[in-house]
N, C-alpha and C. Protein backbone atom coordinates (compact mmCIF):
# COMPACT_ATOMS: atom_id res chain seq x y z
N MET A 1 1.73 -9.84 -8.27
CA MET A 1 2.93 -10.06 -6.98
C MET A 1 2.57 -9.51 -5.72
N VAL A 2 2.10 -8.10 -6.15
CA VAL A 2 1.83 -7.27 -4.61
C VAL A 2 0.87 -8.11 -4.11
N ASN A 3 -0.20 -8.55 -4.58
CA ASN A 3 -1.37 -9.00 -4.08
C ASN A 3 -1.19 -10.41 -3.39
N ASP A 4 -0.28 -11.38 -4.14
CA ASP A 4 0.07 -12.39 -3.73
C ASP A 4 0.99 -11.80 -2.55
N VAL A 5 1.92 -11.21 -2.37
CA VAL A 5 2.59 -10.97 -1.25
C VAL A 5 1.90 -10.68 0.02
N TYR A 6 1.10 -9.61 -0.20
CA TYR A 6 0.33 -9.18 0.81
C TYR A 6 -0.74 -10.41 1.50
N GLU A 7 -1.20 -11.09 0.60
CA GLU A 7 -2.54 -11.93 1.15
C GLU A 7 -1.79 -13.03 1.72
N ARG A 8 -0.76 -13.47 1.26
CA ARG A 8 0.38 -14.41 2.13
C ARG A 8 0.64 -13.73 3.41
N PHE A 9 1.12 -12.62 3.35
CA PHE A 9 1.45 -11.87 4.77
C PHE A 9 0.54 -12.14 5.83
N GLU A 10 -0.85 -11.62 5.54
CA GLU A 10 -1.93 -11.67 6.00
C GLU A 10 -2.24 -12.87 6.37
N ALA A 11 -2.44 -14.15 5.56
CA ALA A 11 -2.74 -15.32 6.21
C ALA A 11 -1.75 -15.85 7.23
N LYS A 12 -0.65 -15.30 6.93
CA LYS A 12 0.81 -15.97 8.11
C LYS A 12 0.38 -15.43 9.24
N PHE A 13 0.04 -13.94 9.19
CA PHE A 13 -0.10 -13.06 10.28
C PHE A 13 -1.45 -13.72 11.04
N LEU A 14 -2.29 -14.20 10.47
CA LEU A 14 -3.66 -14.59 10.93
C LEU A 14 -3.35 -15.84 11.74
N ARG A 15 -2.85 -16.63 11.22
CA ARG A 15 -2.43 -18.09 11.58
C ARG A 15 -1.35 -17.85 12.67
N ASN A 16 -0.83 -16.96 12.86
CA ASN A 16 0.25 -16.73 13.84
C ASN A 16 -0.24 -16.16 15.04
N TRP A 17 -1.51 -15.43 14.78
CA TRP A 17 -2.45 -14.86 15.93
C TRP A 17 -3.11 -15.80 16.17
N GLU A 18 -3.73 -16.80 15.60
CA GLU A 18 -4.58 -17.85 16.26
C GLU A 18 -3.83 -18.56 17.08
N SER A 19 -2.79 -19.06 16.87
CA SER A 19 -1.85 -19.88 17.25
C SER A 19 -0.84 -19.62 18.37
N GLY A 20 -0.52 -18.22 18.41
CA GLY A 20 0.38 -17.92 19.30
C GLY A 20 0.13 -16.57 20.20
N THR A 21 -1.07 -16.15 19.98
CA THR A 21 -1.41 -14.78 21.02
C THR A 21 -1.73 -15.34 22.59
N THR A 22 -1.14 -14.32 23.14
CA THR A 22 -1.71 -14.58 24.69
C THR A 22 -1.89 -13.26 25.16
N ASP A 23 -1.82 -12.28 24.63
CA ASP A 23 -2.68 -10.91 24.74
C ASP A 23 -4.22 -11.40 24.91
N ILE A 24 -4.60 -10.77 26.17
CA ILE A 24 -6.35 -11.15 26.17
C ILE A 24 -7.31 -10.42 25.47
N ILE A 25 -6.45 -9.18 25.18
CA ILE A 25 -7.46 -8.24 24.50
C ILE A 25 -7.84 -8.91 23.02
N ALA A 26 -6.81 -9.81 22.50
CA ALA A 26 -6.74 -10.47 21.34
C ALA A 26 -7.93 -11.47 21.06
N GLY A 27 -8.84 -11.76 22.08
CA GLY A 27 -9.97 -12.76 22.22
C GLY A 27 -11.24 -11.62 22.05
N VAL A 28 -11.29 -10.42 22.30
CA VAL A 28 -12.15 -9.93 22.33
C VAL A 28 -13.00 -9.61 20.97
N PRO A 29 -14.27 -10.12 20.87
CA PRO A 29 -15.01 -10.41 19.61
C PRO A 29 -14.59 -8.96 18.61
N GLY A 30 -14.14 -9.22 17.45
CA GLY A 30 -14.26 -7.95 16.44
C GLY A 30 -12.86 -7.40 16.32
N TYR A 31 -11.83 -7.52 17.89
CA TYR A 31 -10.60 -7.18 17.90
C TYR A 31 -9.63 -7.39 16.55
N GLN A 32 -9.80 -8.52 16.49
CA GLN A 32 -8.71 -9.13 15.07
C GLN A 32 -9.16 -8.29 14.02
N ASP A 33 -10.48 -8.33 13.80
CA ASP A 33 -10.78 -7.66 12.36
C ASP A 33 -10.51 -6.27 12.30
N GLU A 34 -10.68 -5.32 13.50
CA GLU A 34 -10.25 -4.26 13.77
C GLU A 34 -8.72 -3.76 13.43
N TYR A 35 -7.99 -4.83 14.26
CA TYR A 35 -6.47 -4.55 14.09
C TYR A 35 -6.05 -4.76 12.64
N MET A 36 -6.62 -5.94 12.13
CA MET A 36 -6.30 -5.97 10.68
C MET A 36 -6.75 -4.96 9.85
N ARG A 37 -7.69 -4.21 9.75
CA ARG A 37 -8.59 -3.07 9.00
C ARG A 37 -7.32 -2.01 9.65
N ARG A 38 -6.83 -1.54 10.78
CA ARG A 38 -6.08 -0.45 10.64
C ARG A 38 -4.79 -0.95 10.15
N MET A 39 -4.05 -1.90 10.27
CA MET A 39 -2.71 -2.16 9.85
C MET A 39 -3.04 -2.22 8.23
N PHE A 40 -3.87 -2.86 7.53
CA PHE A 40 -4.37 -2.33 6.00
C PHE A 40 -4.02 -1.28 5.74
N VAL A 41 -5.05 -0.08 6.14
CA VAL A 41 -4.96 1.44 5.91
C VAL A 41 -3.93 2.00 6.32
N ASP A 42 -3.08 1.54 7.22
CA ASP A 42 -1.72 2.37 7.74
C ASP A 42 -0.54 2.09 6.65
N ALA A 43 -1.00 0.82 5.98
CA ALA A 43 0.02 -0.18 5.22
C ALA A 43 0.09 1.04 3.84
N VAL A 44 -1.34 1.04 3.38
CA VAL A 44 -1.57 1.91 2.19
C VAL A 44 -1.27 3.22 2.17
N GLY A 45 -1.73 3.78 3.43
CA GLY A 45 -0.80 5.53 3.30
C GLY A 45 0.61 5.44 3.36
N TYR A 46 0.98 4.26 3.87
CA TYR A 46 2.53 4.17 4.25
C TYR A 46 3.02 4.00 2.70
N ALA A 47 2.64 3.24 2.00
CA ALA A 47 2.74 3.04 0.51
C ALA A 47 2.60 4.43 -0.45
N ALA A 48 1.80 5.11 -0.03
CA ALA A 48 1.54 6.51 -0.62
C ALA A 48 2.70 7.26 -0.35
N ALA A 49 3.08 7.46 0.98
CA ALA A 49 4.09 8.30 1.52
C ALA A 49 5.30 7.85 0.98
N VAL A 50 5.71 6.61 0.41
CA VAL A 50 7.11 6.28 0.20
C VAL A 50 6.87 6.59 -1.74
N MET A 51 5.58 6.29 -2.06
CA MET A 51 5.50 7.06 -3.50
C MET A 51 6.00 8.24 -3.78
N ILE A 52 5.59 8.95 -2.99
CA ILE A 52 5.89 10.71 -3.04
C ILE A 52 7.19 10.80 -2.76
N ARG A 53 7.85 10.43 -1.48
CA ARG A 53 9.14 10.63 -1.12
C ARG A 53 9.98 10.08 -2.66
N ARG A 54 9.70 8.93 -3.31
CA ARG A 54 10.79 8.37 -4.21
C ARG A 54 10.36 9.47 -5.27
N MET A 55 9.62 10.46 -5.83
CA MET A 55 9.54 11.55 -6.64
C MET A 55 10.30 12.47 -6.16
N HIS A 56 10.03 12.95 -4.71
CA HIS A 56 10.42 14.26 -4.45
C HIS A 56 11.76 14.00 -3.53
N GLY A 57 11.97 13.18 -2.81
CA GLY A 57 13.02 13.26 -1.90
C GLY A 57 14.37 12.94 -2.55
N LEU A 58 15.27 12.47 -1.60
CA LEU A 58 16.67 12.18 -1.92
C LEU A 58 16.78 10.77 -2.54
N ALA A 59 16.05 10.02 -1.97
CA ALA A 59 15.98 8.62 -2.58
C ALA A 59 15.07 8.11 -3.70
N HIS A 60 15.25 8.60 -4.77
CA HIS A 60 14.52 8.53 -5.93
C HIS A 60 14.66 7.14 -6.60
N ASP A 61 13.76 6.93 -7.52
CA ASP A 61 13.21 5.58 -8.14
C ASP A 61 14.04 5.66 -9.48
N ALA A 62 15.22 4.43 -9.45
CA ALA A 62 16.00 4.15 -10.79
C ALA A 62 15.12 4.18 -11.98
N ASP A 63 13.99 3.38 -11.83
CA ASP A 63 13.47 3.36 -13.11
C ASP A 63 12.71 4.60 -13.66
N VAL A 64 12.39 5.31 -12.86
CA VAL A 64 11.65 6.66 -13.19
C VAL A 64 12.92 7.34 -13.82
N ASP A 65 13.86 7.63 -12.95
CA ASP A 65 15.06 8.41 -13.16
C ASP A 65 16.03 8.21 -14.52
N GLY A 66 15.76 6.78 -14.88
CA GLY A 66 16.07 6.29 -16.19
C GLY A 66 15.53 6.52 -17.31
N ILE A 67 14.22 7.12 -17.27
CA ILE A 67 13.51 7.51 -18.38
C ILE A 67 14.57 8.69 -19.00
N GLU A 68 14.95 8.79 -19.88
CA GLU A 68 15.84 9.62 -20.72
C GLU A 68 15.09 10.85 -21.17
N ASP A 69 13.74 10.35 -21.78
CA ASP A 69 12.86 11.70 -22.39
C ASP A 69 12.37 12.32 -21.16
N GLU A 70 12.50 13.51 -20.93
CA GLU A 70 12.31 14.37 -20.21
C GLU A 70 10.63 14.70 -19.60
N ASP A 71 10.19 14.88 -20.84
CA ASP A 71 8.61 14.99 -20.95
C ASP A 71 7.92 13.68 -20.61
N LYS A 72 8.29 12.40 -20.93
CA LYS A 72 7.72 11.26 -20.50
C LYS A 72 8.05 10.90 -18.78
N ARG A 73 9.36 11.15 -18.58
CA ARG A 73 9.44 11.29 -17.31
C ARG A 73 8.75 11.84 -16.36
N LYS A 74 8.27 12.93 -16.61
CA LYS A 74 7.55 13.98 -15.81
C LYS A 74 6.01 13.41 -16.13
N ASP A 75 5.64 12.92 -16.97
CA ASP A 75 4.44 12.52 -17.26
C ASP A 75 4.14 11.15 -16.23
N VAL A 76 5.45 10.30 -16.10
CA VAL A 76 5.34 9.45 -15.15
C VAL A 76 5.20 9.48 -13.71
N GLN A 77 6.34 10.34 -13.41
CA GLN A 77 6.18 11.22 -11.95
C GLN A 77 5.05 11.82 -11.69
N ILE A 78 4.27 12.50 -12.46
CA ILE A 78 2.75 12.89 -12.42
C ILE A 78 1.68 11.77 -11.94
N LEU A 79 1.84 10.74 -12.71
CA LEU A 79 0.98 9.55 -12.63
C LEU A 79 1.24 9.06 -11.39
N ILE A 80 2.49 8.80 -10.92
CA ILE A 80 2.79 8.29 -9.80
C ILE A 80 2.17 9.22 -8.73
N LEU A 81 2.14 10.47 -8.34
CA LEU A 81 1.78 11.44 -7.43
C LEU A 81 0.71 11.35 -7.25
N GLU A 82 -0.20 11.43 -8.51
CA GLU A 82 -1.76 11.61 -8.59
C GLU A 82 -2.29 10.30 -7.86
N ALA A 83 -1.46 9.08 -8.30
CA ALA A 83 -2.06 7.85 -7.58
C ALA A 83 -1.58 7.79 -6.11
N ALA A 84 -0.42 8.10 -5.43
CA ALA A 84 0.12 8.44 -4.39
C ALA A 84 -0.94 9.26 -3.51
N GLU A 85 -1.32 10.44 -4.39
CA GLU A 85 -2.57 11.16 -3.44
C GLU A 85 -3.81 10.56 -3.33
N GLU A 86 -4.46 9.82 -4.42
CA GLU A 86 -5.62 9.12 -4.05
C GLU A 86 -5.36 8.15 -3.44
N LEU A 87 -4.46 7.33 -3.09
CA LEU A 87 -4.02 6.24 -2.23
C LEU A 87 -4.15 7.00 -0.63
N MET A 88 -3.55 8.06 -0.60
CA MET A 88 -3.26 8.67 0.76
C MET A 88 -4.57 9.16 1.17
N MET A 89 -5.28 9.85 0.38
CA MET A 89 -6.49 10.64 0.69
C MET A 89 -7.69 9.63 0.71
N ASN A 90 -7.77 8.69 0.27
CA ASN A 90 -8.55 7.79 0.21
C ASN A 90 -8.49 5.98 0.89
N ARG A 91 -7.32 6.11 1.76
CA ARG A 91 -6.76 4.76 2.20
C ARG A 91 -7.93 4.17 2.99
N GLU A 92 -8.74 5.18 3.73
CA GLU A 92 -9.73 4.25 4.39
C GLU A 92 -10.77 3.71 3.54
N GLU A 93 -11.04 4.13 2.25
CA GLU A 93 -12.03 3.38 1.85
C GLU A 93 -11.65 2.47 0.83
N PHE A 94 -10.64 1.91 0.65
CA PHE A 94 -9.88 0.59 -0.15
C PHE A 94 -10.21 -0.28 1.06
N LYS A 95 -10.83 -1.76 0.55
CA LYS A 95 -11.25 -2.87 1.25
C LYS A 95 -10.14 -3.85 1.43
N SER A 96 -9.61 -3.94 0.13
CA SER A 96 -8.42 -5.04 0.16
C SER A 96 -7.08 -4.45 -0.94
N ILE A 97 -6.46 -5.23 -0.71
CA ILE A 97 -5.11 -5.15 -1.69
C ILE A 97 -5.59 -5.14 -3.23
N ARG A 98 -6.34 -5.95 -3.51
CA ARG A 98 -6.63 -5.91 -4.89
C ARG A 98 -7.57 -4.61 -5.57
N GLU A 99 -8.17 -4.00 -4.64
CA GLU A 99 -8.55 -2.94 -5.07
C GLU A 99 -7.45 -1.75 -5.04
N VAL A 100 -6.22 -1.86 -4.25
CA VAL A 100 -5.43 -0.71 -4.28
C VAL A 100 -4.61 -1.20 -5.82
N THR A 101 -4.40 -2.10 -6.08
CA THR A 101 -3.46 -2.64 -7.15
C THR A 101 -4.26 -2.31 -8.44
N ARG A 102 -6.03 -2.57 -8.39
CA ARG A 102 -6.45 -2.21 -9.35
C ARG A 102 -6.52 -0.42 -9.85
N LEU A 103 -6.49 0.40 -8.76
CA LEU A 103 -6.26 1.65 -9.05
C LEU A 103 -4.99 1.93 -9.59
N VAL A 104 -3.82 1.42 -9.14
CA VAL A 104 -2.61 1.67 -9.66
C VAL A 104 -2.57 1.00 -11.13
N GLN A 105 -2.74 0.13 -11.27
CA GLN A 105 -3.18 -0.37 -12.62
C GLN A 105 -3.77 0.48 -13.95
N ALA A 106 -4.95 1.20 -13.23
CA ALA A 106 -5.87 1.70 -13.99
C ALA A 106 -5.06 2.85 -14.49
N ARG A 107 -4.30 3.38 -13.21
CA ARG A 107 -3.37 4.79 -13.73
C ARG A 107 -2.71 4.43 -14.45
N ALA A 108 -2.01 3.35 -14.76
CA ALA A 108 -0.71 3.06 -15.12
C ALA A 108 -1.22 2.98 -16.66
N GLY A 109 -2.60 2.99 -16.93
CA GLY A 109 -2.88 2.32 -18.23
C GLY A 109 -2.45 1.19 -19.01
């Protein structure tokens, strides 16, 4: 679902860009690709920050907090934090949303 949502967003964003932009910089060769790349990298970093906040901040995750076995809950929290760290530290390396979801799926086992 994550892949589908992001890919649909990206496609619609680009359609709107092509049909509705009036900013002169939008026509500069390579600008659209760089803009989309920066937005993607920022989104990956933001997702990682939210994952960390949901484990450490006041806005906890009900699914994780609902794990009654403390050892299992701790293991899940560690997995989430490790995945978030990898996403945050390596966000420039990911080329697509599918690479991001593959990492998360691999971590989840």
